[in-house]
Amino acid sequence: MRLKHDDDGFTLVELMVVVLIIAILIAIAIPTFLGARTRAQDRAAQSNLRNSLSAAKVIYSDSNADYNFGIPELDRVHAGLTYVAGLAPAAGQVGFIVAPNLDGSANQAVMFVALSQSGTWFCLWDEGSGTGAGTYFGQDSTMTFGTFADCQNGW
């Protein structure tokens, strides 16, 4: 007579191998996910700066004058962003200053600054005329912006 053994379950070794495989997959996936999250947060801050510059250019074009605007004018053009005067916004806000051109002529330069949720600072400087005419951008891990030279190291 034969004894019948019931082999319907998994052994402890088989279960441990499955747990090990899942742990290896998680160890690979988590850094990738965190990197993607940081990049997305940085891109959101950069997008806010680009939208702010577009709003400033609309104001500049409509007034046919210098960059001479404040928070109410920016809100009228792009109400979806939170603007603050100065260069120390909180995450999710856009700070700005209106400044003279590098050559000292009229207020045709504007600087926007944003703090990403990841902790990286981004800036965008636009000068409408003069010797430094153009748009410049930069990033830093600390908020050290304040002049044109600080905002030209690229993203």
C-alpha atoms as a PDB file:
ATOM      1  CA  MET A   1       0.000   0.000   0.000  1.00  0.00           C
ATOM      2  CA  ARG A   2       1.254   3.491  -0.933  1.00  0.00           C
ATOM      3  CA  LEU A   3       1.198   6.464   1.334  1.00  0.00           C
ATOM      4  CA  LYS A   4      -0.299   9.528  -0.278  1.00  0.00           C
ATOM      5  CA  HIS A   5       1.500  12.844   0.416  1.00  0.00           C
ATOM      6  CA  ASP A   6      -0.229  16.104  -0.142  1.00  0.00           C
ATOM      7  CA  ASP A   7       2.162  18.559  -1.863  1.00  0.00           C
ATOM      8  CA  ASP A   8      -0.236  21.416  -2.500  1.00  0.00           C
ATOM      9  CA  GLY A   9       1.637  24.185  -0.631  1.00  0.00           C
ATOM     10  CA  PHE A  10       4.873  26.082  -1.083  1.00  0.00           C
ATOM     11  CA  THR A  11       7.975  25.432   0.921  1.00  0.00           C
ATOM     12  CA  LEU A  12       9.576  28.105   3.047  1.00  0.00           C
ATOM     13  CA  VAL A  13      12.545  28.255   0.638  1.00  0.00           C
ATOM     14  CA  GLU A  14      10.266  28.920  -2.327  1.00  0.00           C
ATOM     15  CA  LEU A  15       8.486  31.712  -0.469  1.00  0.00           C
ATOM     16  CA  MET A  16      11.814  33.276   0.551  1.00  0.00           C
ATOM     17  CA  VAL A  17      13.018  33.225  -3.074  1.00  0.00           C
ATOM     18  CA  VAL A  18       9.858  35.081  -4.161  1.00  0.00           C
ATOM     19  CA  VAL A  19      10.307  37.653  -1.382  1.00  0.00           C
ATOM     20  CA  LEU A  20      13.956  38.129  -2.424  1.00  0.00           C
ATOM     21  CA  ILE A  21      12.992  38.710  -6.065  1.00  0.00           C
ATOM     22  CA  ILE A  22      10.360  41.271  -5.059  1.00  0.00           C
ATOM     23  CA  ALA A  23      12.887  43.058  -2.815  1.00  0.00           C
ATOM     24  CA  ILE A  24      15.387  43.289  -5.681  1.00  0.00           C
ATOM     25  CA  LEU A  25      12.738  44.723  -8.020  1.00  0.00           C
ATOM     26  CA  ILE A  26      11.716  47.309  -5.414  1.00  0.00           C
ATOM     27  CA  ALA A  27      15.362  48.283  -4.835  1.00  0.00           C
ATOM     28  CA  ILE A  28      15.681  48.975  -8.556  1.00  0.00           C
ATOM     29  CA  ALA A  29      12.353  50.808  -8.923  1.00  0.00           C
ATOM     30  CA  ILE A  30      12.450  53.227  -5.965  1.00  0.00           C
ATOM     31  CA  PRO A  31      15.497  55.313  -7.057  1.00  0.00           C
ATOM     32  CA  THR A  32      14.072  55.521 -10.570  1.00  0.00           C
ATOM     33  CA  PHE A  33      10.732  56.716  -9.223  1.00  0.00           C
ATOM     34  CA  LEU A  34      12.337  59.305  -6.940  1.00  0.00           C
ATOM     35  CA  GLY A  35      14.467  60.632  -9.806  1.00  0.00           C
ATOM     36  CA  ALA A  36      11.397  60.985 -11.998  1.00  0.00           C
ATOM     37  CA  ARG A  37       9.570  62.794  -9.212  1.00  0.00           C
ATOM     38  CA  THR A  38      12.406  65.291  -8.728  1.00  0.00           C
ATOM     39  CA  ARG A  39      12.616  65.960 -12.462  1.00  0.00           C
ATOM     40  CA  ALA A  40       8.850  66.524 -12.631  1.00  0.00           C
ATOM     41  CA  GLN A  41       8.980  68.991  -9.718  1.00  0.00           C
ATOM     42  CA  ASP A  42      11.846  70.877 -11.374  1.00  0.00           C
ATOM     43  CA  ARG A  43      10.019  71.013 -14.713  1.00  0.00           C
ATOM     44  CA  ALA A  44       6.922  72.406 -12.969  1.00  0.00           C
ATOM     45  CA  ALA A  45       8.972  75.288 -11.505  1.00  0.00           C
ATOM     46  CA  GLN A  46      10.595  75.952 -14.894  1.00  0.00           C
ATOM     47  CA  SER A  47       7.186  75.941 -16.563  1.00  0.00           C
ATOM     48  CA  ASN A  48       5.926  78.515 -14.042  1.00  0.00           C
ATOM     49  CA  LEU A  49       8.864  80.750 -14.944  1.00  0.00           C
ATOM     50  CA  ARG A  50       8.202  80.438 -18.680  1.00  0.00           C
ATOM     51  CA  ASN A  51       4.515  81.230 -18.174  1.00  0.00           C
ATOM     52  CA  SER A  52       5.468  84.241 -16.060  1.00  0.00           C
ATOM     53  CA  LEU A  53       7.788  85.509 -18.769  1.00  0.00           C
ATOM     54  CA  SER A  54       5.017  85.101 -21.348  1.00  0.00           C
ATOM     55  CA  ALA A  55       2.694  87.136 -19.118  1.00  0.00           C
ATOM     56  CA  ALA A  56       5.369  89.847 -18.725  1.00  0.00           C
ATOM     57  CA  LYS A  57       5.877  90.010 -22.491  1.00  0.00           C
ATOM     58  CA  VAL A  58       2.120  90.398 -23.016  1.00  0.00           C
ATOM     59  CA  ILE A  59       2.109  93.316 -20.560  1.00  0.00           C
ATOM     60  CA  TYR A  60       5.201  94.784 -22.230  1.00  0.00           C
ATOM     61  CA  SER A  61       3.624  94.504 -25.687  1.00  0.00           C
ATOM     62  CA  ASP A  62       0.270  95.931 -24.597  1.00  0.00           C
ATOM     63  CA  SER A  63       1.815  98.926 -22.844  1.00  0.00           C
ATOM     64  CA  ASN A  64       4.473  99.499 -25.508  1.00  0.00           C
ATOM     65  CA  ALA A  65       6.727 100.689 -22.711  1.00  0.00           C
ATOM     66  CA  ASP A  66       9.203  99.438 -20.165  1.00  0.00           C
ATOM     67  CA  TYR A  67       8.681  96.411 -17.957  1.00  0.00           C
ATOM     68  CA  ASN A  68       6.603  98.377 -15.498  1.00  0.00           C
ATOM     69  CA  PHE A  69       4.152  96.062 -13.790  1.00  0.00           C
ATOM     70  CA  GLY A  70       3.210  94.532 -10.495  1.00  0.00           C
ATOM     71  CA  ILE A  71       1.293  91.565  -9.170  1.00  0.00           C
ATOM     72  CA  PRO A  72      -2.159  92.848 -10.293  1.00  0.00           C
ATOM     73  CA  GLU A  73      -1.037  93.117 -13.924  1.00  0.00           C
ATOM     74  CA  LEU A  74       0.534  89.652 -13.880  1.00  0.00           C
ATOM     75  CA  ASP A  75      -2.612  88.204 -12.273  1.00  0.00           C
ATOM     76  CA  ARG A  76      -4.772  89.706 -15.013  1.00  0.00           C
ATOM     77  CA  VAL A  77      -2.710  87.999 -17.703  1.00  0.00           C
ATOM     78  CA  HIS A  78      -1.968  84.704 -15.922  1.00  0.00           C
ATOM     79  CA  ALA A  79      -4.167  84.182 -12.876  1.00  0.00           C
ATOM     80  CA  GLY A  80      -3.130  80.549 -12.436  1.00  0.00           C
ATOM     81  CA  LEU A  81       0.183  81.413 -10.761  1.00  0.00           C
ATOM     82  CA  THR A  82       0.906  82.942  -7.371  1.00  0.00           C
ATOM     83  CA  TYR A  83       3.235  85.923  -7.707  1.00  0.00           C
ATOM     84  CA  VAL A  84       5.226  87.610  -4.954  1.00  0.00           C
ATOM     85  CA  ALA A  85       7.384  90.704  -5.221  1.00  0.00           C
ATOM     86  CA  GLY A  86      11.055  90.034  -4.568  1.00  0.00           C
ATOM     87  CA  LEU A  87      13.365  87.086  -5.089  1.00  0.00           C
ATOM     88  CA  ALA A  88      12.418  84.811  -2.174  1.00  0.00           C
ATOM     89  CA  PRO A  89       9.214  82.988  -3.102  1.00  0.00           C
ATOM     90  CA  ALA A  90       8.007  79.841  -1.370  1.00  0.00           C
ATOM     91  CA  ALA A  91       7.699  76.607  -3.325  1.00  0.00           C
ATOM     92  CA  GLY A  92       4.895  76.941  -5.856  1.00  0.00           C
ATOM     93  CA  GLN A  93       5.179  80.735  -6.050  1.00  0.00           C
ATOM     94  CA  VAL A  94       7.000  82.949  -8.558  1.00  0.00           C
ATOM     95  CA  GLY A  95       9.019  85.902  -7.296  1.00  0.00           C
ATOM     96  CA  PHE A  96      10.015  88.776  -9.567  1.00  0.00           C
ATOM     97  CA  ILE A  97      11.802  92.079  -9.780  1.00  0.00           C
ATOM     98  CA  VAL A  98      11.821  94.692 -12.512  1.00  0.00           C
ATOM     99  CA  ALA A  99      15.296  96.071 -13.073  1.00  0.00           C
ATOM    100  CA  PRO A 100      17.193  98.453 -15.308  1.00  0.00           C
ATOM    101  CA  ASN A 101      19.011  97.047 -18.314  1.00  0.00           C
ATOM    102  CA  LEU A 102      22.617  96.040 -17.825  1.00  0.00           C
ATOM    103  CA  ASP A 103      23.685  99.208 -19.606  1.00  0.00           C
ATOM    104  CA  GLY A 104      21.630 101.255 -17.086  1.00  0.00           C
ATOM    105  CA  SER A 105      18.916 102.341 -19.506  1.00  0.00           C
ATOM    106  CA  ALA A 106      15.189 102.027 -18.871  1.00  0.00           C
ATOM    107  CA  ASN A 107      13.456  99.298 -16.867  1.00  0.00           C
ATOM    108  CA  GLN A 108      13.409  96.772 -19.655  1.00  0.00           C
ATOM    109  CA  ALA A 109      14.716  93.840 -17.651  1.00  0.00           C
ATOM    110  CA  VAL A 110      12.756  91.463 -15.470  1.00  0.00           C
ATOM    111  CA  MET A 111      13.893  88.570 -13.304  1.00  0.00           C
ATOM    112  CA  PHE A 112      11.649  85.713 -12.205  1.00  0.00           C
ATOM    113  CA  VAL A 113      12.643  83.204  -9.516  1.00  0.00           C
ATOM    114  CA  ALA A 114      10.931  79.963  -8.472  1.00  0.00           C
ATOM    115  CA  LEU A 115      11.658  77.306  -5.865  1.00  0.00           C
ATOM    116  CA  SER A 116      10.950  73.746  -6.956  1.00  0.00           C
ATOM    117  CA  GLN A 117       9.309  71.294  -4.540  1.00  0.00           C
ATOM    118  CA  SER A 118      12.604  69.370  -4.804  1.00  0.00           C
ATOM    119  CA  GLY A 119      14.474  72.310  -3.248  1.00  0.00           C
ATOM    120  CA  THR A 120      16.204  73.613  -6.389  1.00  0.00           C
ATOM    121  CA  TRP A 121      16.017  77.319  -7.227  1.00  0.00           C
ATOM    122  CA  PHE A 122      15.461  78.454 -10.815  1.00  0.00           C
ATOM    123  CA  CYS A 123      15.674  81.927 -12.324  1.00  0.00           C
ATOM    124  CA  LEU A 124      14.779  83.541 -15.626  1.00  0.00           C
ATOM    125  CA  TRP A 125      16.158  86.947 -16.632  1.00  0.00           C
ATOM    126  CA  ASP A 126      14.835  88.786 -19.677  1.00  0.00           C
ATOM    127  CA  GLU A 127      16.197  92.023 -21.016  1.00  0.00           C
ATOM    128  CA  GLY A 128      14.193  93.719 -23.742  1.00  0.00           C
ATOM    129  CA  SER A 129      16.901  95.969 -25.178  1.00  0.00           C
ATOM    130  CA  GLY A 130      20.405  97.215 -24.638  1.00  0.00           C
ATOM    131  CA  THR A 131      23.748  95.435 -24.651  1.00  0.00           C
ATOM    132  CA  GLY A 132      22.455  92.379 -22.799  1.00  0.00           C
ATOM    133  CA  ALA A 133      19.193  91.920 -24.726  1.00  0.00           C
ATOM    134  CA  GLY A 134      17.958  88.349 -24.504  1.00  0.00           C
ATOM    135  CA  THR A 135      16.629  85.739 -22.130  1.00  0.00           C
ATOM    136  CA  TYR A 136      18.879  83.960 -19.654  1.00  0.00           C
ATOM    137  CA  PHE A 137      18.145  81.226 -17.167  1.00  0.00           C
ATOM    138  CA  GLY A 138      19.895  79.444 -14.350  1.00  0.00           C
ATOM    139  CA  GLN A 139      19.534  77.150 -11.387  1.00  0.00           C
ATOM    140  CA  ASP A 140      21.171  76.705  -8.011  1.00  0.00           C
ATOM    141  CA  SER A 141      20.747  74.582  -4.927  1.00  0.00           C
ATOM    142  CA  THR A 142      20.760  77.715  -2.763  1.00  0.00           C
ATOM    143  CA  MET A 143      19.042  81.008  -3.438  1.00  0.00           C
ATOM    144  CA  THR A 144      21.947  83.172  -4.532  1.00  0.00           C
ATOM    145  CA  PHE A 145      20.277  85.015  -7.415  1.00  0.00           C
ATOM    146  CA  GLY A 146      20.041  88.750  -7.486  1.00  0.00           C
ATOM    147  CA  THR A 147      21.894  89.896 -10.559  1.00  0.00           C
ATOM    148  CA  PHE A 148      22.031  89.063 -14.215  1.00  0.00           C
ATOM    149  CA  ALA A 149      25.340  87.236 -13.780  1.00  0.00           C
ATOM    150  CA  ASP A 150      23.760  84.921 -11.200  1.00  0.00           C
ATOM    151  CA  CYS A 151      21.113  83.845 -13.682  1.00  0.00           C
ATOM    152  CA  GLN A 152      23.040  82.694 -16.705  1.00  0.00           C
ATOM    153  CA  ASN A 153      24.393  79.250 -15.849  1.00  0.00           C
ATOM    154  CA  GLY A 154      21.579  77.339 -17.569  1.00  0.00           C
ATOM    155  CA  TRP A 155      19.145  74.636 -16.533  1.00  0.00           C
END
